[in-house]
N, C-alpha and C. Protein backbone atom coordinates (compact mmCIF):
# COMPACT_ATOMS: atom_id res chain seq x y z
N MET A 1 -1.28 -14.17 5.82
CA MET A 1 -1.84 -12.96 5.23
C MET A 1 -1.01 -11.72 5.75
N ASN A 2 -0.88 -10.72 4.87
CA ASN A 2 -0.25 -9.59 5.16
C ASN A 2 -1.00 -8.81 6.30
N PRO A 3 -0.18 -8.55 7.38
CA PRO A 3 -0.92 -7.85 8.48
C PRO A 3 -1.47 -6.42 8.17
N LEU A 4 -0.84 -5.67 7.35
CA LEU A 4 -1.44 -4.35 6.91
C LEU A 4 -2.73 -4.54 6.17
N ARG A 5 -2.75 -5.49 5.26
CA ARG A 5 -3.99 -5.75 4.52
C ARG A 5 -5.16 -6.17 5.53
N GLU A 6 -4.78 -7.02 6.35
CA GLU A 6 -5.88 -7.44 7.40
C GLU A 6 -6.29 -6.26 8.18
N GLU A 7 -5.35 -5.48 8.63
CA GLU A 7 -5.70 -4.28 9.44
C GLU A 7 -6.63 -3.27 8.54
N LEU A 8 -6.21 -3.16 7.24
CA LEU A 8 -7.02 -2.25 6.45
C LEU A 8 -8.57 -2.79 6.29
N LYS A 9 -8.60 -4.10 6.14
CA LYS A 9 -9.81 -4.64 6.11
C LYS A 9 -10.73 -4.38 7.23
N GLN A 10 -10.14 -4.64 8.44
CA GLN A 10 -10.81 -4.34 9.74
C GLN A 10 -11.15 -2.88 9.87
N LEU A 11 -10.25 -2.00 9.41
CA LEU A 11 -10.60 -0.58 9.45
C LEU A 11 -11.76 -0.14 8.53
N ILE A 12 -11.78 -0.72 7.42
CA ILE A 12 -12.85 -0.46 6.51
C ILE A 12 -14.26 -0.90 7.09
N ILE A 13 -14.19 -2.07 7.67
CA ILE A 13 -15.38 -2.68 8.23
C ILE A 13 -15.85 -1.83 9.50
N SER A 14 -14.98 -1.49 10.33
CA SER A 14 -15.33 -0.74 11.48
C SER A 14 -15.65 0.76 11.22
N THR A 15 -14.86 1.34 10.42
CA THR A 15 -15.18 2.76 10.03
C THR A 15 -16.55 2.95 9.38
N LEU A 16 -16.79 2.07 8.45
CA LEU A 16 -18.00 2.21 7.62
C LEU A 16 -19.14 1.46 8.24
N GLU A 17 -18.98 0.73 9.44
CA GLU A 17 -20.01 0.08 10.11
C GLU A 17 -20.63 -0.97 9.24
N LEU A 18 -19.77 -1.82 8.54
CA LEU A 18 -20.29 -2.89 7.64
C LEU A 18 -20.46 -4.18 8.51
N GLU A 19 -21.55 -4.22 9.17
CA GLU A 19 -21.85 -5.20 10.17
C GLU A 19 -22.00 -6.66 9.54
N ASP A 20 -22.42 -6.77 8.30
CA ASP A 20 -22.72 -8.10 7.86
C ASP A 20 -21.45 -8.61 6.93
N ILE A 21 -20.22 -7.93 7.12
CA ILE A 21 -19.03 -8.35 6.35
C ILE A 21 -17.92 -8.73 7.31
N SER A 22 -17.24 -9.70 7.07
CA SER A 22 -16.05 -10.02 7.81
C SER A 22 -14.81 -9.77 6.92
N SER A 23 -13.60 -9.59 7.47
CA SER A 23 -12.42 -9.43 6.64
C SER A 23 -12.20 -10.37 5.59
N SER A 24 -12.59 -11.70 5.86
CA SER A 24 -12.44 -12.85 4.92
C SER A 24 -13.33 -12.60 3.62
N ASP A 25 -14.42 -11.75 3.91
CA ASP A 25 -15.26 -11.48 2.71
C ASP A 25 -14.78 -10.50 1.78
N ILE A 26 -13.66 -9.83 2.12
CA ILE A 26 -13.09 -8.78 1.29
C ILE A 26 -11.86 -9.27 0.56
N ASN A 27 -11.88 -9.44 -0.71
CA ASN A 27 -10.79 -9.85 -1.47
C ASN A 27 -9.82 -8.62 -1.66
N SER A 28 -8.58 -8.80 -1.45
CA SER A 28 -7.51 -7.66 -1.37
C SER A 28 -7.48 -6.99 -2.81
N ASP A 29 -7.88 -7.82 -3.78
CA ASP A 29 -7.73 -7.28 -5.22
C ASP A 29 -9.03 -6.66 -5.77
N ASP A 30 -10.08 -6.99 -5.02
CA ASP A 30 -11.39 -6.43 -5.63
C ASP A 30 -11.55 -4.93 -5.47
N PRO A 31 -12.25 -4.36 -6.30
CA PRO A 31 -12.49 -2.91 -6.27
C PRO A 31 -13.31 -2.64 -4.88
N LEU A 32 -12.98 -1.48 -4.25
CA LEU A 32 -13.74 -1.10 -3.13
C LEU A 32 -14.99 -0.33 -3.52
N PHE A 33 -15.00 0.36 -4.66
CA PHE A 33 -16.09 1.21 -5.07
C PHE A 33 -16.79 0.71 -6.20
N THR A 34 -18.11 0.99 -6.35
CA THR A 34 -18.91 0.71 -7.35
C THR A 34 -19.06 -0.90 -7.36
N ASN A 35 -18.42 -1.56 -8.18
CA ASN A 35 -18.44 -3.05 -8.23
C ASN A 35 -17.59 -3.41 -6.99
N GLY A 36 -17.60 -4.72 -6.72
CA GLY A 36 -16.67 -5.11 -5.60
C GLY A 36 -17.43 -4.82 -4.37
N LEU A 37 -16.97 -4.14 -3.51
CA LEU A 37 -17.47 -3.84 -2.03
C LEU A 37 -18.61 -2.79 -2.22
N GLY A 38 -18.77 -2.07 -3.30
CA GLY A 38 -19.72 -1.10 -3.50
C GLY A 38 -19.80 0.11 -2.67
N LEU A 39 -18.69 0.58 -2.29
CA LEU A 39 -18.49 1.85 -1.47
C LEU A 39 -18.88 3.04 -2.41
N ASP A 40 -19.31 4.08 -1.73
CA ASP A 40 -19.56 5.41 -2.38
C ASP A 40 -18.72 6.50 -1.97
N SER A 41 -19.02 7.77 -2.54
CA SER A 41 -18.23 8.91 -2.31
C SER A 41 -18.22 9.24 -0.75
N ILE A 42 -19.33 9.12 -0.09
CA ILE A 42 -19.26 9.45 1.29
C ILE A 42 -18.43 8.47 2.11
N ASP A 43 -18.45 7.20 1.72
CA ASP A 43 -17.59 6.20 2.42
C ASP A 43 -16.10 6.51 2.18
N ALA A 44 -15.77 7.02 0.86
CA ALA A 44 -14.41 7.37 0.74
C ALA A 44 -14.01 8.47 1.60
N LEU A 45 -14.81 9.53 1.80
CA LEU A 45 -14.47 10.50 2.71
C LEU A 45 -14.16 10.06 4.19
N GLU A 46 -15.10 9.15 4.64
CA GLU A 46 -14.88 8.56 5.98
C GLU A 46 -13.72 7.79 6.03
N LEU A 47 -13.48 6.92 5.03
CA LEU A 47 -12.32 6.04 4.95
C LEU A 47 -11.00 6.81 4.93
N GLY A 48 -10.97 7.90 4.13
CA GLY A 48 -9.85 8.65 3.96
C GLY A 48 -9.57 9.40 5.31
N LEU A 49 -10.50 9.77 6.06
CA LEU A 49 -10.27 10.46 7.35
C LEU A 49 -9.70 9.42 8.34
N ALA A 50 -10.30 8.21 8.33
CA ALA A 50 -9.80 7.18 9.31
C ALA A 50 -8.24 6.90 8.88
N LEU A 51 -7.99 6.68 7.69
CA LEU A 51 -6.58 6.39 7.24
C LEU A 51 -5.60 7.48 7.56
N LYS A 52 -6.02 8.63 7.43
CA LYS A 52 -5.16 9.83 7.81
C LYS A 52 -4.92 9.80 9.35
N LYS A 53 -5.92 9.52 10.03
CA LYS A 53 -5.71 9.51 11.57
C LYS A 53 -4.91 8.25 12.03
N LYS A 54 -5.14 7.07 11.48
CA LYS A 54 -4.51 5.99 11.88
C LYS A 54 -2.97 5.76 11.34
N TYR A 55 -2.78 6.12 10.12
CA TYR A 55 -1.44 5.92 9.53
C TYR A 55 -0.77 7.18 9.25
N GLN A 56 -1.28 8.36 9.67
CA GLN A 56 -0.63 9.66 9.46
C GLN A 56 -0.20 9.90 8.00
N ILE A 57 -1.18 9.47 7.00
CA ILE A 57 -0.76 9.64 5.66
C ILE A 57 -1.33 10.96 5.20
N LYS A 58 -0.82 11.37 4.12
CA LYS A 58 -1.31 12.72 3.38
C LYS A 58 -2.03 12.37 2.21
N LEU A 59 -3.25 12.86 2.19
CA LEU A 59 -4.09 12.71 0.94
C LEU A 59 -4.57 14.18 0.56
N GLU A 60 -4.27 14.47 -0.74
CA GLU A 60 -4.56 15.76 -1.29
C GLU A 60 -6.06 15.70 -1.90
N ALA A 61 -6.81 16.73 -1.48
CA ALA A 61 -8.20 16.79 -1.89
C ALA A 61 -8.29 16.97 -3.43
N ASN A 62 -9.26 16.44 -4.06
CA ASN A 62 -9.44 16.51 -5.50
C ASN A 62 -8.23 15.98 -6.28
N ASN A 63 -7.46 15.14 -5.83
CA ASN A 63 -6.36 14.54 -6.58
C ASN A 63 -6.84 13.28 -7.20
N GLU A 64 -6.61 13.25 -8.66
CA GLU A 64 -7.03 12.13 -9.35
C GLU A 64 -6.24 10.95 -8.90
N GLN A 65 -5.13 10.97 -8.33
CA GLN A 65 -4.35 9.82 -7.92
C GLN A 65 -5.08 9.04 -6.85
N ASN A 66 -5.87 9.74 -6.04
CA ASN A 66 -6.63 9.06 -4.98
C ASN A 66 -7.49 7.90 -5.43
N LYS A 67 -8.04 8.07 -6.61
CA LYS A 67 -8.88 6.89 -7.17
C LYS A 67 -8.07 5.75 -7.38
N LYS A 68 -6.74 5.86 -7.86
CA LYS A 68 -5.90 4.80 -8.02
C LYS A 68 -5.47 4.21 -6.64
N PHE A 69 -5.21 5.08 -5.68
CA PHE A 69 -4.87 4.51 -4.26
C PHE A 69 -6.02 3.77 -3.61
N PHE A 70 -7.20 4.30 -3.81
CA PHE A 70 -8.40 3.70 -3.10
C PHE A 70 -9.06 2.61 -4.01
N TYR A 71 -8.37 2.09 -5.02
CA TYR A 71 -9.01 1.15 -5.86
C TYR A 71 -9.28 -0.32 -5.10
N SER A 72 -8.39 -0.70 -4.32
CA SER A 72 -8.56 -2.00 -3.58
C SER A 72 -7.69 -1.88 -2.28
N VAL A 73 -7.86 -2.99 -1.45
CA VAL A 73 -7.11 -3.09 -0.29
C VAL A 73 -5.66 -3.09 -0.56
N ASN A 74 -5.27 -3.89 -1.65
CA ASN A 74 -3.82 -3.92 -2.11
C ASN A 74 -3.27 -2.58 -2.38
N THR A 75 -3.95 -1.77 -3.24
CA THR A 75 -3.44 -0.51 -3.61
C THR A 75 -3.42 0.38 -2.41
N LEU A 76 -4.38 0.30 -1.56
CA LEU A 76 -4.24 1.24 -0.30
C LEU A 76 -2.97 0.76 0.57
N ALA A 77 -2.83 -0.48 0.49
CA ALA A 77 -1.56 -1.03 1.41
C ALA A 77 -0.30 -0.46 0.85
N GLU A 78 -0.27 -0.55 -0.44
CA GLU A 78 0.89 -0.17 -1.16
C GLU A 78 1.15 1.42 -1.11
N PHE A 79 0.09 2.13 -1.13
CA PHE A 79 0.14 3.63 -0.85
C PHE A 79 0.63 3.90 0.58
N ILE A 80 0.04 3.28 1.61
CA ILE A 80 0.45 3.50 3.04
C ILE A 80 1.95 3.16 3.11
N GLN A 81 2.33 2.03 2.56
CA GLN A 81 3.84 1.65 2.72
C GLN A 81 4.76 2.67 2.13
N ALA A 82 4.30 3.10 0.95
CA ALA A 82 5.13 4.33 0.24
C ALA A 82 5.16 5.49 1.09
N GLN A 83 4.00 5.83 1.67
CA GLN A 83 4.01 7.08 2.58
C GLN A 83 4.94 6.87 3.71
N ARG A 84 4.94 5.65 4.29
CA ARG A 84 5.80 5.39 5.45
C ARG A 84 7.20 5.47 5.15
N SER A 85 7.65 5.24 3.96
CA SER A 85 9.04 5.20 3.63
C SER A 85 9.54 6.56 3.13
N VAL A 86 8.58 7.55 3.11
CA VAL A 86 9.07 8.89 2.67
C VAL A 86 9.74 9.64 3.76
């Protein structure tokens, strides 16, 4: 398993206090919001702050691209890797 994806799953679980979920319960391709993991907009804000703090990434408020980046664990991992290479 990709270490960044596993790290992201653990970050999601700990940041959002998802006590009944383990990283193996989260499919890297499944949507994080609505269907899939079922996160909401408050979760998105908390997760965004945790990601900024841990990975020093830049997220622009009210940017439509954020929806694409936050679609799944895989899209988040790709976004973080792209930010690191900038």
